[in-house]
Amino acid sequence: MAALQAATLNAAGALGWEARTGTIEPGREADLVLLDRNPLEDITNTKRIRAVFRAGRVFNRAALDSILAMPCTARSR
């Protein structure tokens, strides 16, 4: 739990973004990573990404794999 909080809630606080990100609740920005397994049971489950929700768009596993297959220079465009 501490590792996940460090990457989300605590990171938002360190960047001064705690008023808009870091937790899931009404009025907050909500970019999410949907996992296949519970990361509290095994932290390596954070690698089992099913989908990503970013800026109102959903990227399923196939879309993520397609993005990862692109050359690094093409991903940043």
PDB file of N, CA and C in Angstrom:
ATOM      1  N   MET A   1       0.835  -1.187   0.000  1.00  0.00           N
ATOM      2  CA  MET A   1       0.000   0.000   0.000  1.00  0.00           C
ATOM      3  C   MET A   1       0.881   1.252   0.000  1.00  0.00           C
ATOM      4  N   ALA A   2       1.950   1.238   0.779  1.00  0.00           N
ATOM      5  CA  ALA A   2       2.825   2.404   0.870  1.00  0.00           C
ATOM      6  C   ALA A   2       3.455   2.742  -0.483  1.00  0.00           C
ATOM      7  N   ALA A   3       3.849   1.721  -1.242  1.00  0.00           N
ATOM      8  CA  ALA A   3       4.447   1.963  -2.558  1.00  0.00           C
ATOM      9  C   ALA A   3       3.431   2.589  -3.511  1.00  0.00           C
ATOM     10  N   LEU A   4       2.203   2.110  -3.477  1.00  0.00           N
ATOM     11  CA  LEU A   4       1.159   2.665  -4.347  1.00  0.00           C
ATOM     12  C   LEU A   4       0.819   4.100  -3.957  1.00  0.00           C
ATOM     13  N   GLN A   5       0.753   4.369  -2.668  1.00  0.00           N
ATOM     14  CA  GLN A   5       0.488   5.732  -2.211  1.00  0.00           C
ATOM     15  C   GLN A   5       1.632   6.669  -2.578  1.00  0.00           C
ATOM     16  N   ALA A   6       2.856   6.171  -2.516  1.00  0.00           N
ATOM     17  CA  ALA A   6       4.004   7.003  -2.890  1.00  0.00           C
ATOM     18  C   ALA A   6       3.929   7.413  -4.355  1.00  0.00           C
ATOM     19  N   ALA A   7       3.420   6.510  -5.196  1.00  0.00           N
ATOM     20  CA  ALA A   7       3.333   6.790  -6.625  1.00  0.00           C
ATOM     21  C   ALA A   7       2.119   7.619  -7.018  1.00  0.00           C
ATOM     22  N   THR A   8       1.141   7.740  -6.130  1.00  0.00           N
ATOM     23  CA  THR A   8      -0.104   8.435  -6.475  1.00  0.00           C
ATOM     24  C   THR A   8      -0.355   9.612  -5.542  1.00  0.00           C
ATOM     25  N   LEU A   9      -0.885   9.338  -4.393  1.00  0.00           N
ATOM     26  CA  LEU A   9      -1.254  10.381  -3.438  1.00  0.00           C
ATOM     27  C   LEU A   9      -0.049  11.226  -3.025  1.00  0.00           C
ATOM     28  N   ASN A  10       1.032  10.591  -2.636  1.00  0.00           N
ATOM     29  CA  ASN A  10       2.205  11.339  -2.186  1.00  0.00           C
ATOM     30  C   ASN A  10       2.868  12.102  -3.327  1.00  0.00           C
ATOM     31  N   ALA A  11       2.877  11.506  -4.519  1.00  0.00           N
ATOM     32  CA  ALA A  11       3.456  12.193  -5.675  1.00  0.00           C
ATOM     33  C   ALA A  11       2.657  13.451  -6.006  1.00  0.00           C
ATOM     34  N   ALA A  12       1.347  13.362  -5.931  1.00  0.00           N
ATOM     35  CA  ALA A  12       0.501  14.533  -6.186  1.00  0.00           C
ATOM     36  C   ALA A  12       0.822  15.634  -5.181  1.00  0.00           C
ATOM     37  N   GLY A  13       0.998  15.264  -3.924  1.00  0.00           N
ATOM     38  CA  GLY A  13       1.333  16.249  -2.899  1.00  0.00           C
ATOM     39  C   GLY A  13       2.686  16.883  -3.133  1.00  0.00           C
ATOM     40  N   ALA A  14       3.665  16.081  -3.527  1.00  0.00           N
ATOM     41  CA  ALA A  14       5.019  16.602  -3.770  1.00  0.00           C
ATOM     42  C   ALA A  14       5.043  17.591  -4.930  1.00  0.00           C
ATOM     43  N   LEU A  15       4.151  17.395  -5.897  1.00  0.00           N
ATOM     44  CA  LEU A  15       4.079  18.291  -7.049  1.00  0.00           C
ATOM     45  C   LEU A  15       3.141  19.473  -6.822  1.00  0.00           C
ATOM     46  N   GLY A  16       2.490  19.505  -5.660  1.00  0.00           N
ATOM     47  CA  GLY A  16       1.541  20.583  -5.383  1.00  0.00           C
ATOM     48  C   GLY A  16       0.212  20.394  -6.092  1.00  0.00           C
ATOM     49  N   TRP A  17      -0.113  19.172  -6.480  1.00  0.00           N
ATOM     50  CA  TRP A  17      -1.330  18.881  -7.230  1.00  0.00           C
ATOM     51  C   TRP A  17      -2.391  18.227  -6.373  1.00  0.00           C
ATOM     52  N   GLU A  18      -2.214  18.163  -5.070  1.00  0.00           N
ATOM     53  CA  GLU A  18      -3.133  17.394  -4.222  1.00  0.00           C
ATOM     54  C   GLU A  18      -4.579  17.879  -4.286  1.00  0.00           C
ATOM     55  N   ALA A  19      -4.827  19.115  -4.700  1.00  0.00           N
ATOM     56  CA  ALA A  19      -6.194  19.620  -4.796  1.00  0.00           C
ATOM     57  C   ALA A  19      -6.924  19.087  -6.032  1.00  0.00           C
ATOM     58  N   ARG A  20      -6.173  18.549  -7.013  1.00  0.00           N
ATOM     59  CA  ARG A  20      -6.832  18.098  -8.238  1.00  0.00           C
ATOM     60  C   ARG A  20      -6.549  16.646  -8.614  1.00  0.00           C
ATOM     61  N   THR A  21      -5.481  16.039  -8.072  1.00  0.00           N
ATOM     62  CA  THR A  21      -5.143  14.660  -8.423  1.00  0.00           C
ATOM     63  C   THR A  21      -4.732  13.872  -7.187  1.00  0.00           C
ATOM     64  N   GLY A  22      -4.434  12.597  -7.382  1.00  0.00           N
ATOM     65  CA  GLY A  22      -3.909  11.776  -6.299  1.00  0.00           C
ATOM     66  C   GLY A  22      -4.923  10.877  -5.636  1.00  0.00           C
ATOM     67  N   THR A  23      -6.204  11.207  -5.754  1.00  0.00           N
ATOM     68  CA  THR A  23      -7.271  10.362  -5.218  1.00  0.00           C
ATOM     69  C   THR A  23      -8.415  10.317  -6.229  1.00  0.00           C
ATOM     70  N   ILE A  24      -9.286   9.344  -6.058  1.00  0.00           N
ATOM     71  CA  ILE A  24     -10.450   9.222  -6.941  1.00  0.00           C
ATOM     72  C   ILE A  24     -11.665   9.720  -6.180  1.00  0.00           C
ATOM     73  N   GLU A  25     -12.163  10.880  -6.586  1.00  0.00           N
ATOM     74  CA  GLU A  25     -13.346  11.464  -5.964  1.00  0.00           C
ATOM     75  C   GLU A  25     -13.888  12.555  -6.871  1.00  0.00           C
ATOM     76  N   PRO A  26     -15.140  12.966  -6.677  1.00  0.00           N
ATOM     77  CA  PRO A  26     -15.748  13.987  -7.527  1.00  0.00           C
ATOM     78  C   PRO A  26     -14.905  15.271  -7.564  1.00  0.00           C
ATOM     79  N   GLY A  27     -14.789  15.824  -8.772  1.00  0.00           N
ATOM     80  CA  GLY A  27     -14.069  17.070  -8.950  1.00  0.00           C
ATOM     81  C   GLY A  27     -12.573  16.912  -9.184  1.00  0.00           C
ATOM     82  N   ARG A  28     -12.074  15.693  -9.142  1.00  0.00           N
ATOM     83  CA  ARG A  28     -10.646  15.442  -9.353  1.00  0.00           C
ATOM     84  C   ARG A  28     -10.401  14.974 -10.777  1.00  0.00           C
ATOM     85  N   GLU A  29      -9.192  15.203 -11.269  1.00  0.00           N
ATOM     86  CA  GLU A  29      -8.782  14.627 -12.538  1.00  0.00           C
ATOM     87  C   GLU A  29      -8.578  13.138 -12.300  1.00  0.00           C
ATOM     88  N   ALA A  30      -9.003  12.303 -13.230  1.00  0.00           N
ATOM     89  CA  ALA A  30      -8.981  10.866 -12.962  1.00  0.00           C
ATOM     90  C   ALA A  30      -8.356  10.087 -14.111  1.00  0.00           C
ATOM     91  N   ASP A  31      -7.053  10.103 -14.201  1.00  0.00           N
ATOM     92  CA  ASP A  31      -6.354   9.195 -15.095  1.00  0.00           C
ATOM     93  C   ASP A  31      -6.137   7.924 -14.292  1.00  0.00           C
ATOM     94  N   LEU A  32      -6.545   6.800 -14.846  1.00  0.00           N
ATOM     95  CA  LEU A  32      -6.517   5.540 -14.101  1.00  0.00           C
ATOM     96  C   LEU A  32      -5.816   4.444 -14.877  1.00  0.00           C
ATOM     97  N   VAL A  33      -5.264   3.496 -14.140  1.00  0.00           N
ATOM     98  CA  VAL A  33      -4.705   2.278 -14.705  1.00  0.00           C
ATOM     99  C   VAL A  33      -5.534   1.130 -14.139  1.00  0.00           C
ATOM    100  N   LEU A  34      -6.143   0.338 -15.018  1.00  0.00           N
ATOM    101  CA  LEU A  34      -6.945  -0.807 -14.616  1.00  0.00           C
ATOM    102  C   LEU A  34      -6.074  -2.057 -14.703  1.00  0.00           C
ATOM    103  N   LEU A  35      -5.935  -2.741 -13.580  1.00  0.00           N
ATOM    104  CA  LEU A  35      -5.068  -3.914 -13.515  1.00  0.00           C
ATOM    105  C   LEU A  35      -5.873  -5.208 -13.520  1.00  0.00           C
ATOM    106  N   ASP A  36      -5.248  -6.298 -13.976  1.00  0.00           N
ATOM    107  CA  ASP A  36      -5.883  -7.617 -13.974  1.00  0.00           C
ATOM    108  C   ASP A  36      -5.878  -8.260 -12.590  1.00  0.00           C
ATOM    109  N   ARG A  37      -4.930  -7.895 -11.767  1.00  0.00           N
ATOM    110  CA  ARG A  37      -4.791  -8.502 -10.444  1.00  0.00           C
ATOM    111  C   ARG A  37      -4.545  -7.426  -9.399  1.00  0.00           C
ATOM    112  N   ASN A  38      -4.782  -7.770  -8.153  1.00  0.00           N
ATOM    113  CA  ASN A  38      -4.671  -6.843  -7.030  1.00  0.00           C
ATOM    114  C   ASN A  38      -3.202  -6.559  -6.684  1.00  0.00           C
ATOM    115  N   PRO A  39      -2.758  -5.309  -6.791  1.00  0.00           N
ATOM    116  CA  PRO A  39      -1.368  -4.988  -6.473  1.00  0.00           C
ATOM    117  C   PRO A  39      -1.072  -5.035  -4.970  1.00  0.00           C
ATOM    118  N   LEU A  40      -2.119  -5.043  -4.136  1.00  0.00           N
ATOM    119  CA  LEU A  40      -1.880  -5.159  -2.694  1.00  0.00           C
ATOM    120  C   LEU A  40      -1.488  -6.584  -2.314  1.00  0.00           C
ATOM    121  N   GLU A  41      -1.855  -7.548  -3.150  1.00  0.00           N
ATOM    122  CA  GLU A  41      -1.473  -8.935  -2.911  1.00  0.00           C
ATOM    123  C   GLU A  41      -0.059  -9.220  -3.393  1.00  0.00           C
ATOM    124  N   ASP A  42       0.345  -8.551  -4.475  1.00  0.00           N
ATOM    125  CA  ASP A  42       1.682  -8.726  -5.047  1.00  0.00           C
ATOM    126  C   ASP A  42       1.980  -7.487  -5.879  1.00  0.00           C
ATOM    127  N   ILE A  43       2.996  -6.726  -5.502  1.00  0.00           N
ATOM    128  CA  ILE A  43       3.298  -5.446  -6.168  1.00  0.00           C
ATOM    129  C   ILE A  43       3.621  -5.657  -7.647  1.00  0.00           C
ATOM    130  N   THR A  44       4.091  -6.843  -8.034  1.00  0.00           N
ATOM    131  CA  THR A  44       4.366  -7.078  -9.454  1.00  0.00           C
ATOM    132  C   THR A  44       3.091  -7.122 -10.287  1.00  0.00           C
ATOM    133  N   ASN A  45       1.938  -7.197  -9.639  1.00  0.00           N
ATOM    134  CA  ASN A  45       0.671  -7.123 -10.373  1.00  0.00           C
ATOM    135  C   ASN A  45       0.469  -5.761 -11.025  1.00  0.00           C
ATOM    136  N   THR A  46       1.256  -4.767 -10.657  1.00  0.00           N
ATOM    137  CA  THR A  46       1.173  -3.466 -11.322  1.00  0.00           C
ATOM    138  C   THR A  46       1.607  -3.564 -12.780  1.00  0.00           C
ATOM    139  N   LYS A  47       2.253  -4.662 -13.147  1.00  0.00           N
ATOM    140  CA  LYS A  47       2.662  -4.888 -14.540  1.00  0.00           C
ATOM    141  C   LYS A  47       1.561  -5.537 -15.362  1.00  0.00           C
ATOM    142  N   ARG A  48       0.478  -5.965 -14.721  1.00  0.00           N
ATOM    143  CA  ARG A  48      -0.630  -6.654 -15.404  1.00  0.00           C
ATOM    144  C   ARG A  48      -1.708  -5.619 -15.778  1.00  0.00           C
ATOM    145  N   ILE A  49      -1.382  -4.757 -16.703  1.00  0.00           N
ATOM    146  CA  ILE A  49      -2.254  -3.643 -17.065  1.00  0.00           C
ATOM    147  C   ILE A  49      -3.294  -4.094 -18.092  1.00  0.00           C
ATOM    148  N   ARG A  50      -4.558  -3.918 -17.749  1.00  0.00           N
ATOM    149  CA  ARG A  50      -5.669  -4.269 -18.640  1.00  0.00           C
ATOM    150  C   ARG A  50      -6.025  -3.082 -19.535  1.00  0.00           C
ATOM    151  N   ALA A  51      -6.063  -1.867 -18.945  1.00  0.00           N
ATOM    152  CA  ALA A  51      -6.433  -0.678 -19.711  1.00  0.00           C
ATOM    153  C   ALA A  51      -5.929   0.565 -18.981  1.00  0.00           C
ATOM    154  N   VAL A  52      -5.853   1.662 -19.736  1.00  0.00           N
ATOM    155  CA  VAL A  52      -5.476   2.955 -19.176  1.00  0.00           C
ATOM    156  C   VAL A  52      -6.550   3.956 -19.585  1.00  0.00           C
ATOM    157  N   PHE A  53      -6.995   4.748 -18.635  1.00  0.00           N
ATOM    158  CA  PHE A  53      -7.940   5.831 -18.884  1.00  0.00           C
ATOM    159  C   PHE A  53      -7.157   7.125 -18.734  1.00  0.00           C
ATOM    160  N   ARG A  54      -7.025   7.885 -19.837  1.00  0.00           N
ATOM    161  CA  ARG A  54      -6.204   9.089 -19.824  1.00  0.00           C
ATOM    162  C   ARG A  54      -6.903  10.198 -20.593  1.00  0.00           C
ATOM    163  N   ALA A  55      -7.124  11.320 -19.923  1.00  0.00           N
ATOM    164  CA  ALA A  55      -7.712  12.502 -20.560  1.00  0.00           C
ATOM    165  C   ALA A  55      -9.007  12.166 -21.303  1.00  0.00           C
ATOM    166  N   GLY A  56      -9.858  11.352 -20.673  1.00  0.00           N
ATOM    167  CA  GLY A  56     -11.148  11.022 -21.256  1.00  0.00           C
ATOM    168  C   GLY A  56     -11.120   9.935 -22.313  1.00  0.00           C
ATOM    169  N   ARG A  57      -9.951   9.347 -22.573  1.00  0.00           N
ATOM    170  CA  ARG A  57      -9.823   8.277 -23.565  1.00  0.00           C
ATOM    171  C   ARG A  57      -9.489   6.967 -22.861  1.00  0.00           C
ATOM    172  N   VAL A  58      -9.981   5.875 -23.427  1.00  0.00           N
ATOM    173  CA  VAL A  58      -9.687   4.541 -22.906  1.00  0.00           C
ATOM    174  C   VAL A  58      -8.733   3.849 -23.877  1.00  0.00           C
ATOM    175  N   PHE A  59      -7.652   3.329 -23.331  1.00  0.00           N
ATOM    176  CA  PHE A  59      -6.685   2.560 -24.111  1.00  0.00           C
ATOM    177  C   PHE A  59      -6.723   1.125 -23.592  1.00  0.00           C
ATOM    178  N   ASN A  60      -7.301   0.202 -24.388  1.00  0.00           N
ATOM    179  CA  ASN A  60      -7.355  -1.189 -23.952  1.00  0.00           C
ATOM    180  C   ASN A  60      -5.991  -1.842 -24.165  1.00  0.00           C
ATOM    181  N   ARG A  61      -5.870  -3.113 -23.803  1.00  0.00           N
ATOM    182  CA  ARG A  61      -4.578  -3.810 -23.879  1.00  0.00           C
ATOM    183  C   ARG A  61      -4.022  -3.795 -25.294  1.00  0.00           C
ATOM    184  N   ALA A  62      -4.881  -4.010 -26.303  1.00  0.00           N
ATOM    185  CA  ALA A  62      -4.423  -4.018 -27.697  1.00  0.00           C
ATOM    186  C   ALA A  62      -3.872  -2.648 -28.098  1.00  0.00           C
ATOM    187  N   ALA A  63      -4.560  -1.587 -27.694  1.00  0.00           N
ATOM    188  CA  ALA A  63      -4.092  -0.236 -28.009  1.00  0.00           C
ATOM    189  C   ALA A  63      -2.763   0.058 -27.319  1.00  0.00           C
ATOM    190  N   LEU A  64      -2.633  -0.365 -26.071  1.00  0.00           N
ATOM    191  CA  LEU A  64      -1.380  -0.152 -25.348  1.00  0.00           C
ATOM    192  C   LEU A  64      -0.235  -0.909 -26.013  1.00  0.00           C
ATOM    193  N   ASP A  65      -0.474  -2.144 -26.415  1.00  0.00           N
ATOM    194  CA  ASP A  65       0.560  -2.920 -27.094  1.00  0.00           C
ATOM    195  C   ASP A  65       0.973  -2.261 -28.400  1.00  0.00           C
ATOM    196  N   SER A  66       0.003  -1.698 -29.115  1.00  0.00           N
ATOM    197  CA  SER A  66       0.293  -0.994 -30.367  1.00  0.00           C
ATOM    198  C   SER A  66       1.166   0.234 -30.114  1.00  0.00           C
ATOM    199  N   ILE A  67       0.848   0.986 -29.085  1.00  0.00           N
ATOM    200  CA  ILE A  67       1.649   2.167 -28.730  1.00  0.00           C
ATOM    201  C   ILE A  67       3.064   1.758 -28.350  1.00  0.00           C
ATOM    202  N   LEU A  68       3.180   0.699 -27.565  1.00  0.00           N
ATOM    203  CA  LEU A  68       4.499   0.237 -27.133  1.00  0.00           C
ATOM    204  C   LEU A  68       5.342  -0.283 -28.286  1.00  0.00           C
ATOM    205  N   ALA A  69       4.705  -0.740 -29.357  1.00  0.00           N
ATOM    206  CA  ALA A  69       5.429  -1.240 -30.515  1.00  0.00           C
ATOM    207  C   ALA A  69       5.996  -0.119 -31.380  1.00  0.00           C
ATOM    208  N   MET A  70       5.503   1.104 -31.186  1.00  0.00           N
ATOM    209  CA  MET A  70       5.994   2.252 -31.954  1.00  0.00           C
ATOM    210  C   MET A  70       7.405   2.637 -31.521  1.00  0.00           C
ATOM    211  N   PRO A  71       8.178   3.205 -32.430  1.00  0.00           N
ATOM    212  CA  PRO A  71       9.480   3.755 -32.019  1.00  0.00           C
ATOM    213  C   PRO A  71       9.257   4.867 -30.980  1.00  0.00           C
ATOM    214  N   CYS A  72      10.160   5.035 -30.074  1.00  0.00           N
ATOM    215  CA  CYS A  72      10.018   6.033 -29.010  1.00  0.00           C
ATOM    216  C   CYS A  72       9.732   7.422 -29.551  1.00  0.00           C
ATOM    217  N   THR A  73      10.328   7.804 -30.660  1.00  0.00           N
ATOM    218  CA  THR A  73      10.110   9.148 -31.201  1.00  0.00           C
ATOM    219  C   THR A  73       8.683   9.339 -31.671  1.00  0.00           C
ATOM    220  N   ALA A  74       8.032   8.291 -32.140  1.00  0.00           N
ATOM    221  CA  ALA A  74       6.655   8.388 -32.627  1.00  0.00           C
ATOM    222  C   ALA A  74       5.674   8.472 -31.470  1.00  0.00           C
ATOM    223  N   ARG A  75       6.008   7.886 -30.314  1.00  0.00           N
ATOM    224  CA  ARG A  75       5.100   7.903 -29.156  1.00  0.00           C
ATOM    225  C   ARG A  75       4.893   9.285 -28.583  1.00  0.00           C
ATOM    226  N   SER A  76       5.872  10.148 -28.670  1.00  0.00           N
ATOM    227  CA  SER A  76       5.782  11.468 -28.039  1.00  0.00           C
ATOM    228  C   SER A  76       5.028  12.489 -28.883  1.00  0.00           C
ATOM    229  N   ARG A  77       4.608  12.109 -30.052  1.00  0.00           N
ATOM    230  CA  ARG A  77       3.905  13.068 -30.943  1.00  0.00           C
ATOM    231  C   ARG A  77       2.476  13.231 -30.567  1.00  0.00           C
TER     232      ARG A  77
END
